[in-house]
Amino acid sequence: MSAETPPKEQIELYDELVSMFPEIKRKGKKVPYTSLNGHMFSYLGLDGTLALRLDKQNREKFLIDFNTELDVQHGSVMKEYARVPSDLQKDLPRLKRFFELSLAYVKTLKPK
């Protein structure tokens, strides 16, 4: 594992997940992410943890259902981003639903 990029296995899983959505392109070389209309809605941290941007209702339910927390990057809490547990991160058919919720949420935001 390089300190400058997420682990290869997590990048491959992330790329496979993103490929399920042909309208979305994966961006970022060091920190892979997705965005729409100028709003980032998912990213893969350097430790390989996936974070999804969810609306308040879905985020709160996700945090409880998966016993997880908001993501923290460089000492800052990413208020709308829930950390995806590693077992869910590897279960792409199940994870796809939450990626869809994240994409649906960002579609409601005013384009930048």
PDB file of N, CA and C in Angstrom:
ATOM      1  N   MET A   1       0.847  -1.185   0.000  1.00  0.00           N
ATOM      2  CA  MET A   1       0.000   0.000   0.000  1.00  0.00           C
ATOM      3  C   MET A   1       0.882   1.234   0.000  1.00  0.00           C
ATOM      4  N   SER A   2       0.646   2.108  -0.936  1.00  0.00           N
ATOM      5  CA  SER A   2       1.366   3.362  -1.021  1.00  0.00           C
ATOM      6  C   SER A   2       0.658   4.414  -0.182  1.00  0.00           C
ATOM      7  N   ALA A   3       1.427   5.287   0.425  1.00  0.00           N
ATOM      8  CA  ALA A   3       0.836   6.376   1.213  1.00  0.00           C
ATOM      9  C   ALA A   3       0.247   7.438   0.296  1.00  0.00           C
ATOM     10  N   GLU A   4       0.512   7.345  -1.001  1.00  0.00           N
ATOM     11  CA  GLU A   4       0.073   8.384  -1.928  1.00  0.00           C
ATOM     12  C   GLU A   4      -1.173   8.015  -2.717  1.00  0.00           C
ATOM     13  N   THR A   5      -1.553   6.749  -2.706  1.00  0.00           N
ATOM     14  CA  THR A   5      -2.766   6.315  -3.398  1.00  0.00           C
ATOM     15  C   THR A   5      -3.436   5.221  -2.569  1.00  0.00           C
ATOM     16  N   PRO A   6      -4.743   5.051  -2.743  1.00  0.00           N
ATOM     17  CA  PRO A   6      -5.425   3.955  -2.042  1.00  0.00           C
ATOM     18  C   PRO A   6      -4.895   2.600  -2.513  1.00  0.00           C
ATOM     19  N   PRO A   7      -5.128   1.549  -1.725  1.00  0.00           N
ATOM     20  CA  PRO A   7      -4.707   0.202  -2.135  1.00  0.00           C
ATOM     21  C   PRO A   7      -5.326  -0.196  -3.481  1.00  0.00           C
ATOM     22  N   LYS A   8      -4.545  -0.906  -4.265  1.00  0.00           N
ATOM     23  CA  LYS A   8      -4.953  -1.313  -5.615  1.00  0.00           C
ATOM     24  C   LYS A   8      -6.294  -2.057  -5.607  1.00  0.00           C
ATOM     25  N   GLU A   9      -6.481  -2.975  -4.644  1.00  0.00           N
ATOM     26  CA  GLU A   9      -7.724  -3.751  -4.585  1.00  0.00           C
ATOM     27  C   GLU A   9      -8.949  -2.835  -4.439  1.00  0.00           C
ATOM     28  N   GLN A  10      -8.828  -1.813  -3.590  1.00  0.00           N
ATOM     29  CA  GLN A  10      -9.950  -0.893  -3.391  1.00  0.00           C
ATOM     30  C   GLN A  10     -10.190  -0.034  -4.632  1.00  0.00           C
ATOM     31  N   ILE A  11      -9.115   0.353  -5.301  1.00  0.00           N
ATOM     32  CA  ILE A  11      -9.273   1.126  -6.545  1.00  0.00           C
ATOM     33  C   ILE A  11     -10.012   0.281  -7.577  1.00  0.00           C
ATOM     34  N   GLU A  12      -9.643  -0.984  -7.690  1.00  0.00           N
ATOM     35  CA  GLU A  12     -10.301  -1.870  -8.659  1.00  0.00           C
ATOM     36  C   GLU A  12     -11.784  -2.040  -8.332  1.00  0.00           C
ATOM     37  N   LEU A  13     -12.113  -2.225  -7.059  1.00  0.00           N
ATOM     38  CA  LEU A  13     -13.525  -2.339  -6.661  1.00  0.00           C
ATOM     39  C   LEU A  13     -14.281  -1.050  -6.964  1.00  0.00           C
ATOM     40  N   TYR A  14     -13.667   0.085  -6.654  1.00  0.00           N
ATOM     41  CA  TYR A  14     -14.286   1.388  -6.906  1.00  0.00           C
ATOM     42  C   TYR A  14     -14.527   1.583  -8.400  1.00  0.00           C
ATOM     43  N   ASP A  15     -13.531   1.269  -9.205  1.00  0.00           N
ATOM     44  CA  ASP A  15     -13.686   1.399 -10.656  1.00  0.00           C
ATOM     45  C   ASP A  15     -14.799   0.501 -11.179  1.00  0.00           C
ATOM     46  N   GLU A  16     -14.901  -0.699 -10.625  1.00  0.00           N
ATOM     47  CA  GLU A  16     -15.973  -1.615 -11.041  1.00  0.00           C
ATOM     48  C   GLU A  16     -17.335  -1.048 -10.667  1.00  0.00           C
ATOM     49  N   LEU A  17     -17.442  -0.485  -9.472  1.00  0.00           N
ATOM     50  CA  LEU A  17     -18.690   0.138  -9.042  1.00  0.00           C
ATOM     51  C   LEU A  17     -19.061   1.301  -9.961  1.00  0.00           C
ATOM     52  N   VAL A  18     -18.128   2.184 -10.210  1.00  0.00           N
ATOM     53  CA  VAL A  18     -18.395   3.361 -11.049  1.00  0.00           C
ATOM     54  C   VAL A  18     -18.766   2.933 -12.471  1.00  0.00           C
ATOM     55  N   SER A  19     -18.177   1.853 -12.949  1.00  0.00           N
ATOM     56  CA  SER A  19     -18.468   1.391 -14.317  1.00  0.00           C
ATOM     57  C   SER A  19     -19.920   0.931 -14.488  1.00  0.00           C
ATOM     58  N   MET A  20     -20.612   0.685 -13.377  1.00  0.00           N
ATOM     59  CA  MET A  20     -22.031   0.313 -13.441  1.00  0.00           C
ATOM     60  C   MET A  20     -22.905   1.511 -13.806  1.00  0.00           C
ATOM     61  N   PHE A  21     -22.310   2.689 -13.854  1.00  0.00           N
ATOM     62  CA  PHE A  21     -23.026   3.929 -14.137  1.00  0.00           C
ATOM     63  C   PHE A  21     -22.332   4.633 -15.297  1.00  0.00           C
ATOM     64  N   PRO A  22     -22.690   4.267 -16.539  1.00  0.00           N
ATOM     65  CA  PRO A  22     -21.973   4.781 -17.704  1.00  0.00           C
ATOM     66  C   PRO A  22     -21.987   6.308 -17.830  1.00  0.00           C
ATOM     67  N   GLU A  23     -22.961   6.961 -17.204  1.00  0.00           N
ATOM     68  CA  GLU A  23     -23.036   8.422 -17.300  1.00  0.00           C
ATOM     69  C   GLU A  23     -22.031   9.111 -16.374  1.00  0.00           C
ATOM     70  N   ILE A  24     -21.387   8.342 -15.502  1.00  0.00           N
ATOM     71  CA  ILE A  24     -20.449   8.888 -14.528  1.00  0.00           C
ATOM     72  C   ILE A  24     -19.030   8.444 -14.887  1.00  0.00           C
ATOM     73  N   LYS A  25     -18.102   9.360 -14.791  1.00  0.00           N
ATOM     74  CA  LYS A  25     -16.694   9.056 -15.040  1.00  0.00           C
ATOM     75  C   LYS A  25     -15.917   9.191 -13.740  1.00  0.00           C
ATOM     76  N   ARG A  26     -15.062   8.234 -13.477  1.00  0.00           N
ATOM     77  CA  ARG A  26     -14.194   8.309 -12.303  1.00  0.00           C
ATOM     78  C   ARG A  26     -13.109   9.338 -12.578  1.00  0.00           C
ATOM     79  N   LYS A  27     -12.852  10.184 -11.609  1.00  0.00           N
ATOM     80  CA  LYS A  27     -11.838  11.222 -11.727  1.00  0.00           C
ATOM     81  C   LYS A  27     -10.798  11.017 -10.637  1.00  0.00           C
ATOM     82  N   GLY A  28      -9.738  11.784 -10.709  1.00  0.00           N
ATOM     83  CA  GLY A  28      -8.716  11.765  -9.671  1.00  0.00           C
ATOM     84  C   GLY A  28      -7.692  10.668  -9.862  1.00  0.00           C
ATOM     85  N   LYS A  29      -6.418  11.052  -9.799  1.00  0.00           N
ATOM     86  CA  LYS A  29      -5.345  10.064  -9.918  1.00  0.00           C
ATOM     87  C   LYS A  29      -4.924   9.552  -8.554  1.00  0.00           C
ATOM     88  N   LYS A  30      -4.685  10.448  -7.608  1.00  0.00           N
ATOM     89  CA  LYS A  30      -4.257  10.027  -6.271  1.00  0.00           C
ATOM     90  C   LYS A  30      -5.451   9.661  -5.399  1.00  0.00           C
ATOM     91  N   VAL A  31      -6.491  10.447  -5.471  1.00  0.00           N
ATOM     92  CA  VAL A  31      -7.700  10.193  -4.693  1.00  0.00           C
ATOM     93  C   VAL A  31      -8.857  10.059  -5.686  1.00  0.00           C
ATOM     94  N   PRO A  32      -9.234   8.824  -6.027  1.00  0.00           N
ATOM     95  CA  PRO A  32     -10.332   8.620  -6.968  1.00  0.00           C
ATOM     96  C   PRO A  32     -11.643   9.174  -6.409  1.00  0.00           C
ATOM     97  N   TYR A  33     -12.420   9.818  -7.279  1.00  0.00           N
ATOM     98  CA  TYR A  33     -13.706  10.371  -6.861  1.00  0.00           C
ATOM     99  C   TYR A  33     -14.653  10.455  -8.042  1.00  0.00           C
ATOM    100  N   THR A  34     -15.926  10.694  -7.724  1.00  0.00           N
ATOM    101  CA  THR A  34     -16.928  10.959  -8.750  1.00  0.00           C
ATOM    102  C   THR A  34     -17.598  12.278  -8.424  1.00  0.00           C
ATOM    103  N   SER A  35     -18.028  12.961  -9.473  1.00  0.00           N
ATOM    104  CA  SER A  35     -18.752  14.211  -9.281  1.00  0.00           C
ATOM    105  C   SER A  35     -19.754  14.390 -10.417  1.00  0.00           C
ATOM    106  N   LEU A  36     -20.716  15.249 -10.143  1.00  0.00           N
ATOM    107  CA  LEU A  36     -21.733  15.586 -11.140  1.00  0.00           C
ATOM    108  C   LEU A  36     -22.089  17.053 -10.944  1.00  0.00           C
ATOM    109  N   ASN A  37     -22.095  17.798 -12.019  1.00  0.00           N
ATOM    110  CA  ASN A  37     -22.436  19.223 -11.981  1.00  0.00           C
ATOM    111  C   ASN A  37     -21.596  19.992 -10.964  1.00  0.00           C
ATOM    112  N   GLY A  38     -20.339  19.590 -10.807  1.00  0.00           N
ATOM    113  CA  GLY A  38     -19.432  20.279  -9.902  1.00  0.00           C
ATOM    114  C   GLY A  38     -19.520  19.852  -8.458  1.00  0.00           C
ATOM    115  N   HIS A  39     -20.301  18.834  -8.164  1.00  0.00           N
ATOM    116  CA  HIS A  39     -20.458  18.338  -6.795  1.00  0.00           C
ATOM    117  C   HIS A  39     -19.900  16.932  -6.678  1.00  0.00           C
ATOM    118  N   MET A  40     -18.897  16.771  -5.831  1.00  0.00           N
ATOM    119  CA  MET A  40     -18.354  15.440  -5.577  1.00  0.00           C
ATOM    120  C   MET A  40     -19.393  14.652  -4.773  1.00  0.00           C
ATOM    121  N   PHE A  41     -19.533  13.352  -5.082  1.00  0.00           N
ATOM    122  CA  PHE A  41     -20.493  12.543  -4.327  1.00  0.00           C
ATOM    123  C   PHE A  41     -19.941  11.204  -3.850  1.00  0.00           C
ATOM    124  N   SER A  42     -18.746  10.867  -4.229  1.00  0.00           N
ATOM    125  CA  SER A  42     -18.084   9.688  -3.675  1.00  0.00           C
ATOM    126  C   SER A  42     -16.586   9.873  -3.830  1.00  0.00           C
ATOM    127  N   TYR A  43     -15.852   9.257  -2.934  1.00  0.00           N
ATOM    128  CA  TYR A  43     -14.401   9.265  -3.074  1.00  0.00           C
ATOM    129  C   TYR A  43     -13.814   8.090  -2.308  1.00  0.00           C
ATOM    130  N   LEU A  44     -12.605   7.758  -2.697  1.00  0.00           N
ATOM    131  CA  LEU A  44     -11.861   6.671  -2.081  1.00  0.00           C
ATOM    132  C   LEU A  44     -10.676   7.293  -1.354  1.00  0.00           C
ATOM    133  N   GLY A  45     -10.674   7.199  -0.030  1.00  0.00           N
ATOM    134  CA  GLY A  45      -9.594   7.767   0.765  1.00  0.00           C
ATOM    135  C   GLY A  45      -8.290   7.009   0.575  1.00  0.00           C
ATOM    136  N   LEU A  46      -7.197   7.629   0.994  1.00  0.00           N
ATOM    137  CA  LEU A  46      -5.886   7.002   0.847  1.00  0.00           C
ATOM    138  C   LEU A  46      -5.781   5.684   1.593  1.00  0.00           C
ATOM    139  N   ASP A  47      -6.599   5.519   2.637  1.00  0.00           N
ATOM    140  CA  ASP A  47      -6.592   4.251   3.373  1.00  0.00           C
ATOM    141  C   ASP A  47      -7.460   3.188   2.703  1.00  0.00           C
ATOM    142  N   GLY A  48      -8.108   3.553   1.581  1.00  0.00           N
ATOM    143  CA  GLY A  48      -8.942   2.605   0.846  1.00  0.00           C
ATOM    144  C   GLY A  48     -10.393   2.630   1.251  1.00  0.00           C
ATOM    145  N   THR A  49     -10.760   3.505   2.174  1.00  0.00           N
ATOM    146  CA  THR A  49     -12.149   3.595   2.617  1.00  0.00           C
ATOM    147  C   THR A  49     -12.965   4.428   1.632  1.00  0.00           C
ATOM    148  N   LEU A  50     -14.094   3.887   1.249  1.00  0.00           N
ATOM    149  CA  LEU A  50     -15.024   4.581   0.366  1.00  0.00           C
ATOM    150  C   LEU A  50     -15.953   5.444   1.205  1.00  0.00           C
ATOM    151  N   ALA A  51     -16.226   6.651   0.730  1.00  0.00           N
ATOM    152  CA  ALA A  51     -17.179   7.542   1.386  1.00  0.00           C
ATOM    153  C   ALA A  51     -18.222   7.963   0.354  1.00  0.00           C
ATOM    154  N   LEU A  52     -19.491   7.934   0.761  1.00  0.00           N
ATOM    155  CA  LEU A  52     -20.595   8.323  -0.097  1.00  0.00           C
ATOM    156  C   LEU A  52     -21.316   9.535   0.476  1.00  0.00           C
ATOM    157  N   ARG A  53     -21.638  10.471  -0.391  1.00  0.00           N
ATOM    158  CA  ARG A  53     -22.398  11.654   0.009  1.00  0.00           C
ATOM    159  C   ARG A  53     -23.875  11.304  -0.076  1.00  0.00           C
ATOM    160  N   LEU A  54     -24.555  11.413   1.055  1.00  0.00           N
ATOM    161  CA  LEU A  54     -25.970  11.048   1.115  1.00  0.00           C
ATOM    162  C   LEU A  54     -26.779  12.182   1.719  1.00  0.00           C
ATOM    163  N   ASP A  55     -28.048  12.272   1.332  1.00  0.00           N
ATOM    164  CA  ASP A  55     -28.932  13.257   1.941  1.00  0.00           C
ATOM    165  C   ASP A  55     -29.128  12.897   3.413  1.00  0.00           C
ATOM    166  N   LYS A  56     -29.635  13.840   4.189  1.00  0.00           N
ATOM    167  CA  LYS A  56     -29.710  13.672   5.639  1.00  0.00           C
ATOM    168  C   LYS A  56     -30.435  12.388   6.049  1.00  0.00           C
ATOM    169  N   GLN A  57     -31.596  12.148   5.478  1.00  0.00           N
ATOM    170  CA  GLN A  57     -32.386  10.979   5.871  1.00  0.00           C
ATOM    171  C   GLN A  57     -31.645   9.670   5.565  1.00  0.00           C
ATOM    172  N   ASN A  58     -31.167   9.526   4.350  1.00  0.00           N
ATOM    173  CA  ASN A  58     -30.452   8.303   3.974  1.00  0.00           C
ATOM    174  C   ASN A  58     -29.129   8.169   4.717  1.00  0.00           C
ATOM    175  N   ARG A  59     -28.455   9.281   4.961  1.00  0.00           N
ATOM    176  CA  ARG A  59     -27.186   9.258   5.682  1.00  0.00           C
ATOM    177  C   ARG A  59     -27.390   8.765   7.117  1.00  0.00           C
ATOM    178  N   GLU A  60     -28.375   9.314   7.806  1.00  0.00           N
ATOM    179  CA  GLU A  60     -28.629   8.901   9.188  1.00  0.00           C
ATOM    180  C   GLU A  60     -28.983   7.421   9.268  1.00  0.00           C
ATOM    181  N   LYS A  61     -29.810   6.954   8.342  1.00  0.00           N
ATOM    182  CA  LYS A  61     -30.188   5.534   8.317  1.00  0.00           C
ATOM    183  C   LYS A  61     -28.969   4.661   8.014  1.00  0.00           C
ATOM    184  N   PHE A  62     -28.160   5.074   7.070  1.00  0.00           N
ATOM    185  CA  PHE A  62     -26.961   4.333   6.687  1.00  0.00           C
ATOM    186  C   PHE A  62     -26.007   4.221   7.873  1.00  0.00           C
ATOM    187  N   LEU A  63     -25.790   5.327   8.573  1.00  0.00           N
ATOM    188  CA  LEU A  63     -24.873   5.328   9.712  1.00  0.00           C
ATOM    189  C   LEU A  63     -25.329   4.355  10.792  1.00  0.00           C
ATOM    190  N   ILE A  64     -26.630   4.316  11.043  1.00  0.00           N
ATOM    191  CA  ILE A  64     -27.177   3.407  12.055  1.00  0.00           C
ATOM    192  C   ILE A  64     -27.156   1.960  11.558  1.00  0.00           C
ATOM    193  N   ASP A  65     -27.693   1.744  10.354  1.00  0.00           N
ATOM    194  CA  ASP A  65     -27.802   0.379   9.826  1.00  0.00           C
ATOM    195  C   ASP A  65     -26.452  -0.320   9.700  1.00  0.00           C
ATOM    196  N   PHE A  66     -25.415   0.429   9.364  1.00  0.00           N
ATOM    197  CA  PHE A  66     -24.103  -0.171   9.134  1.00  0.00           C
ATOM    198  C   PHE A  66     -23.109   0.121  10.258  1.00  0.00           C
ATOM    199  N   ASN A  67     -23.612   0.725  11.341  1.00  0.00           N
ATOM    200  CA  ASN A  67     -22.765   1.022  12.505  1.00  0.00           C
ATOM    201  C   ASN A  67     -21.458   1.682  12.064  1.00  0.00           C
ATOM    202  N   THR A  68     -21.600   2.738  11.288  1.00  0.00           N
ATOM    203  CA  THR A  68     -20.435   3.449  10.759  1.00  0.00           C
ATOM    204  C   THR A  68     -20.541   4.915  11.162  1.00  0.00           C
ATOM    205  N   GLU A  69     -19.698   5.737  10.597  1.00  0.00           N
ATOM    206  CA  GLU A  69     -19.645   7.146  10.985  1.00  0.00           C
ATOM    207  C   GLU A  69     -19.370   8.028   9.779  1.00  0.00           C
ATOM    208  N   LEU A  70     -19.429   9.327  10.020  1.00  0.00           N
ATOM    209  CA  LEU A  70     -19.065  10.279   8.981  1.00  0.00           C
ATOM    210  C   LEU A  70     -17.574  10.151   8.712  1.00  0.00           C
ATOM    211  N   ASP A  71     -17.186  10.399   7.481  1.00  0.00           N
ATOM    212  CA  ASP A  71     -15.781  10.295   7.131  1.00  0.00           C
ATOM    213  C   ASP A  71     -15.023  11.516   7.649  1.00  0.00           C
ATOM    214  N   VAL A  72     -13.753  11.320   7.919  1.00  0.00           N
ATOM    215  CA  VAL A  72     -12.868  12.396   8.363  1.00  0.00           C
ATOM    216  C   VAL A  72     -11.671  12.416   7.425  1.00  0.00           C
ATOM    217  N   GLN A  73     -11.386  13.584   6.869  1.00  0.00           N
ATOM    218  CA  GLN A  73     -10.235  13.760   5.986  1.00  0.00           C
ATOM    219  C   GLN A  73      -9.401  14.930   6.482  1.00  0.00           C
ATOM    220  N   HIS A  74      -8.131  14.695   6.681  1.00  0.00           N
ATOM    221  CA  HIS A  74      -7.192  15.734   7.124  1.00  0.00           C
ATOM    222  C   HIS A  74      -7.689  16.458   8.370  1.00  0.00           C
ATOM    223  N   GLY A  75      -8.294  15.701   9.294  1.00  0.00           N
ATOM    224  CA  GLY A  75      -8.766  16.260  10.549  1.00  0.00           C
ATOM    225  C   GLY A  75     -10.114  16.957  10.480  1.00  0.00           C
ATOM    226  N   SER A  76     -10.746  16.964   9.304  1.00  0.00           N
ATOM    227  CA  SER A  76     -12.051  17.606   9.147  1.00  0.00           C
ATOM    228  C   SER A  76     -13.138  16.569   8.896  1.00  0.00           C
ATOM    229  N   VAL A  77     -14.248  16.721   9.608  1.00  0.00           N
ATOM    230  CA  VAL A  77     -15.386  15.827   9.407  1.00  0.00           C
ATOM    231  C   VAL A  77     -16.072  16.221   8.106  1.00  0.00           C
ATOM    232  N   MET A  78     -16.253  15.242   7.245  1.00  0.00           N
ATOM    233  CA  MET A  78     -16.956  15.462   5.973  1.00  0.00           C
ATOM    234  C   MET A  78     -18.451  15.251   6.260  1.00  0.00           C
ATOM    235  N   LYS A  79     -19.160  16.331   6.550  1.00  0.00           N
ATOM    236  CA  LYS A  79     -20.495  16.295   7.145  1.00  0.00           C
ATOM    237  C   LYS A  79     -21.543  15.485   6.374  1.00  0.00           C
ATOM    238  N   GLU A  80     -21.427  15.388   5.076  1.00  0.00           N
ATOM    239  CA  GLU A  80     -22.437  14.659   4.303  1.00  0.00           C
ATOM    240  C   GLU A  80     -21.947  13.299   3.814  1.00  0.00           C
ATOM    241  N   TYR A  81     -20.740  12.911   4.199  1.00  0.00           N
ATOM    242  CA  TYR A  81     -20.130  11.695   3.664  1.00  0.00           C
ATOM    243  C   TYR A  81     -20.052  10.584   4.708  1.00  0.00           C
ATOM    244  N   ALA A  82     -20.735   9.485   4.429  1.00  0.00           N
ATOM    245  CA  ALA A  82     -20.712   8.320   5.304  1.00  0.00           C
ATOM    246  C   ALA A  82     -19.618   7.361   4.853  1.00  0.00           C
ATOM    247  N   ARG A  83     -18.878   6.841   5.821  1.00  0.00           N
ATOM    248  CA  ARG A  83     -17.858   5.831   5.531  1.00  0.00           C
ATOM    249  C   ARG A  83     -18.552   4.504   5.229  1.00  0.00           C
ATOM    250  N   VAL A  84     -18.157   3.877   4.157  1.00  0.00           N
ATOM    251  CA  VAL A  84     -18.723   2.581   3.774  1.00  0.00           C
ATOM    252  C   VAL A  84     -17.895   1.489   4.445  1.00  0.00           C
ATOM    253  N   PRO A  85     -18.536   0.626   5.231  1.00  0.00           N
ATOM    254  CA  PRO A  85     -17.798  -0.472   5.873  1.00  0.00           C
ATOM    255  C   PRO A  85     -17.145  -1.380   4.826  1.00  0.00           C
ATOM    256  N   SER A  86     -16.013  -1.966   5.185  1.00  0.00           N
ATOM    257  CA  SER A  86     -15.251  -2.763   4.212  1.00  0.00           C
ATOM    258  C   SER A  86     -16.039  -3.938   3.657  1.00  0.00           C
ATOM    259  N   ASP A  87     -16.890  -4.590   4.473  1.00  0.00           N
ATOM    260  CA  ASP A  87     -17.656  -5.720   3.943  1.00  0.00           C
ATOM    261  C   ASP A  87     -18.660  -5.263   2.892  1.00  0.00           C
ATOM    262  N   LEU A  88     -19.272  -4.106   3.084  1.00  0.00           N
ATOM    263  CA  LEU A  88     -20.196  -3.564   2.083  1.00  0.00           C
ATOM    264  C   LEU A  88     -19.433  -3.081   0.850  1.00  0.00           C
ATOM    265  N   GLN A  89     -18.265  -2.543   1.064  1.00  0.00           N
ATOM    266  CA  GLN A  89     -17.450  -2.043  -0.043  1.00  0.00           C
ATOM    267  C   GLN A  89     -17.106  -3.168  -1.023  1.00  0.00           C
ATOM    268  N   LYS A  90     -17.021  -4.401  -0.515  1.00  0.00           N
ATOM    269  CA  LYS A  90     -16.699  -5.550  -1.360  1.00  0.00           C
ATOM    270  C   LYS A  90     -17.937  -6.197  -1.976  1.00  0.00           C
ATOM    271  N   ASP A  91     -19.130  -5.807  -1.515  1.00  0.00           N
ATOM    272  CA  ASP A  91     -20.391  -6.385  -1.990  1.00  0.00           C
ATOM    273  C   ASP A  91     -21.017  -5.429  -3.006  1.00  0.00           C
ATOM    274  N   LEU A  92     -20.482  -5.441  -4.224  1.00  0.00           N
ATOM    275  CA  LEU A  92     -20.881  -4.452  -5.230  1.00  0.00           C
ATOM    276  C   LEU A  92     -22.363  -4.460  -5.571  1.00  0.00           C
ATOM    277  N   PRO A  93     -23.024  -5.620  -5.699  1.00  0.00           N
ATOM    278  CA  PRO A  93     -24.459  -5.571  -5.990  1.00  0.00           C
ATOM    279  C   PRO A  93     -25.247  -4.830  -4.898  1.00  0.00           C
ATOM    280  N   ARG A  94     -24.871  -5.041  -3.669  1.00  0.00           N
ATOM    281  CA  ARG A  94     -25.551  -4.369  -2.556  1.00  0.00           C
ATOM    282  C   ARG A  94     -25.131  -2.893  -2.472  1.00  0.00           C
ATOM    283  N   LEU A  95     -23.855  -2.619  -2.685  1.00  0.00           N
ATOM    284  CA  LEU A  95     -23.327  -1.258  -2.627  1.00  0.00           C
ATOM    285  C   LEU A  95     -23.908  -0.385  -3.727  1.00  0.00           C
ATOM    286  N   LYS A  96     -24.240  -0.974  -4.855  1.00  0.00           N
ATOM    287  CA  LYS A  96     -24.773  -0.215  -5.993  1.00  0.00           C
ATOM    288  C   LYS A  96     -25.985   0.617  -5.587  1.00  0.00           C
ATOM    289  N   ARG A  97     -26.849   0.080  -4.750  1.00  0.00           N
ATOM    290  CA  ARG A  97     -28.052   0.802  -4.317  1.00  0.00           C
ATOM    291  C   ARG A  97     -27.684   2.095  -3.600  1.00  0.00           C
ATOM    292  N   PHE A  98     -26.662   2.058  -2.771  1.00  0.00           N
ATOM    293  CA  PHE A  98     -26.262   3.241  -2.015  1.00  0.00           C
ATOM    294  C   PHE A  98     -25.545   4.255  -2.900  1.00  0.00           C
ATOM    295  N   PHE A  99     -24.804   3.763  -3.883  1.00  0.00           N
ATOM    296  CA  PHE A  99     -24.185   4.661  -4.855  1.00  0.00           C
ATOM    297  C   PHE A  99     -25.283   5.377  -5.644  1.00  0.00           C
ATOM    298  N   GLU A 100     -26.332   4.650  -5.988  1.00  0.00           N
ATOM    299  CA  GLU A 100     -27.486   5.257  -6.679  1.00  0.00           C
ATOM    300  C   GLU A 100     -28.124   6.348  -5.826  1.00  0.00           C
ATOM    301  N   LEU A 101     -28.264   6.103  -4.525  1.00  0.00           N
ATOM    302  CA  LEU A 101     -28.827   7.115  -3.621  1.00  0.00           C
ATOM    303  C   LEU A 101     -27.933   8.348  -3.573  1.00  0.00           C
ATOM    304  N   SER A 102     -26.636   8.138  -3.568  1.00  0.00           N
ATOM    305  CA  SER A 102     -25.684   9.243  -3.556  1.00  0.00           C
ATOM    306  C   SER A 102     -25.790  10.059  -4.838  1.00  0.00           C
ATOM    307  N   LEU A 103     -25.843   9.379  -5.958  1.00  0.00           N
ATOM    308  CA  LEU A 103     -25.994  10.044  -7.254  1.00  0.00           C
ATOM    309  C   LEU A 103     -27.317  10.796  -7.324  1.00  0.00           C
ATOM    310  N   ALA A 104     -28.389  10.183  -6.856  1.00  0.00           N
ATOM    311  CA  ALA A 104     -29.706  10.840  -6.863  1.00  0.00           C
ATOM    312  C   ALA A 104     -29.672  12.109  -6.019  1.00  0.00           C
ATOM    313  N   TYR A 105     -28.998  12.059  -4.887  1.00  0.00           N
ATOM    314  CA  TYR A 105     -28.906  13.242  -4.032  1.00  0.00           C
ATOM    315  C   TYR A 105     -28.163  14.376  -4.731  1.00  0.00           C
ATOM    316  N   VAL A 106     -27.031  14.079  -5.321  1.00  0.00           N
ATOM    317  CA  VAL A 106     -26.241  15.140  -5.953  1.00  0.00           C
ATOM    318  C   VAL A 106     -26.984  15.731  -7.157  1.00  0.00           C
ATOM    319  N   LYS A 107     -27.854  14.960  -7.770  1.00  0.00           N
ATOM    320  CA  LYS A 107     -28.667  15.487  -8.880  1.00  0.00           C
ATOM    321  C   LYS A 107     -29.649  16.553  -8.412  1.00  0.00           C
ATOM    322  N   THR A 108     -29.970  16.576  -7.112  1.00  0.00           N
ATOM    323  CA  THR A 108     -30.901  17.568  -6.580  1.00  0.00           C
ATOM    324  C   THR A 108     -30.203  18.891  -6.259  1.00  0.00           C
ATOM    325  N   LEU A 109     -28.880  18.900  -6.262  1.00  0.00           N
ATOM    326  CA  LEU A 109     -28.133  20.105  -5.917  1.00  0.00           C
ATOM    327  C   LEU A 109     -27.969  21.027  -7.129  1.00  0.00           C
ATOM    328  N   LYS A 110     -27.986  22.300  -6.872  1.00  0.00           N
ATOM    329  CA  LYS A 110     -27.823  23.292  -7.934  1.00  0.00           C
ATOM    330  C   LYS A 110     -26.431  23.146  -8.553  1.00  0.00           C
ATOM    331  N   PRO A 111     -26.332  23.064  -9.890  1.00  0.00           N
ATOM    332  CA  PRO A 111     -25.027  22.934 -10.528  1.00  0.00           C
ATOM    333  C   PRO A 111     -24.116  24.101 -10.162  1.00  0.00           C
ATOM    334  N   LYS A 112     -22.827  23.779 -10.019  1.00  0.00           N
ATOM    335  CA  LYS A 112     -21.828  24.828  -9.723  1.00  0.00           C
ATOM    336  C   LYS A 112     -21.380  25.480 -11.008  1.00  0.00           C
TER     337      LYS A 112
END
